[in-house]
């Protein structure tokens, strides 16, 4: 097939940066603070208030935020943490960073969300926490997961990198777990370039998150082990990292936050058009959102009935300047995990089947209706 004459490149996702966003960053650049100024706390409060929780701590990336949440939860050597294999590697790697062991539980057969019944089978005396992953913007089964966690005295850390703005049984994501982790990567609902955040209602977790964010160092006199020598004095109480968000990133985040409702609405409109169109396309299916939750539509996955056609479809669309993606290579497929933990194909059949058939179509607020119609037209042509 010859390359399309269409000069417009349509990625599976991208950021939408406006002149107002740029001006906000310029103002921050001209201010007295490029880091550790007033904008980061302001951004944290915006996200906390939006989610309906008391505390929020910003980090330099979503991965850093996951790492911090595991630290705050007390994950350490000898602990096991259960998570999904159908996710980006960071959801499991954060457990390793703290010395713990990731334990995978398969996803549901009908949805790419960790299966509560599979979680129960993976719990041992070493289990410390559960990290459910909200896939494509769709919240996990939190009521069932929290019931399991309460029974076994486990913590729940929600990997909600996909689901800022989504709801579950009338509650907004951010209020459904002991700690909830968001990402502000460019393809997320709003962006700070790179960035992440942990929200929680627990003051002890909040204090540990703040400590971990800044080298494990505190200037809070009430927490000093020794007597202060003066106003310059500080103490390192734990091994933390420099995981701070900059003022420039916070300025961008605050500007982007003004458009969060608009962005969420546009993603939903795009998803609804896809859903309406695919009612009559027999070669593929899509994820059906249960009636008890809403999706933030971070990605729009379709599942091919004939998995052998996925690469062909991926390549053909690419030649039309339509760039799709696959989400995700199951974590237990990565050589690191296969060598370290002896995982192999067949361990988690639902996740593996989902991976074999999944393709993510373009969905982002700046995608125009004409571009989406072009995607749909070319998709049908390539399927034929």
Foldseek 3Di string as FASTA:
>chain_A
DFFAPDPDFFAQFFFDDDPQLVVLLVVCVPDPFFFPDDLQVVLQVLLCVLQVADGKAKFQALLLQLLLLCVLLVQAAQAEEEEALQAPLSNQVSSVVRNYHYDYFFCDLQDRWGDLVSVVVGDDPRYAAYEIEQPQQHDHPLVSVVVVCVVNVHFYEYARQAHQPKDFQPHGPQARGQKYKYWQDRLHLHHLPHMMMIHHNDVSSRVSSVCQCCQQKDQPCVPDPDDDPDSVDIDRDDGHDNTGDTSSSSSSSVSRSVCSVVFQVLLVVLLVVVQVVCVPPPQKAWRDHDPRMGGSRSWTKIFGPDLVCVVQLQVQVVSHSFHKDFRDDRNCPDPVNCVVPVRDPPPHVSSVNCRSGIITGHGGNVQDPVNSVVSVVSSVVSVD
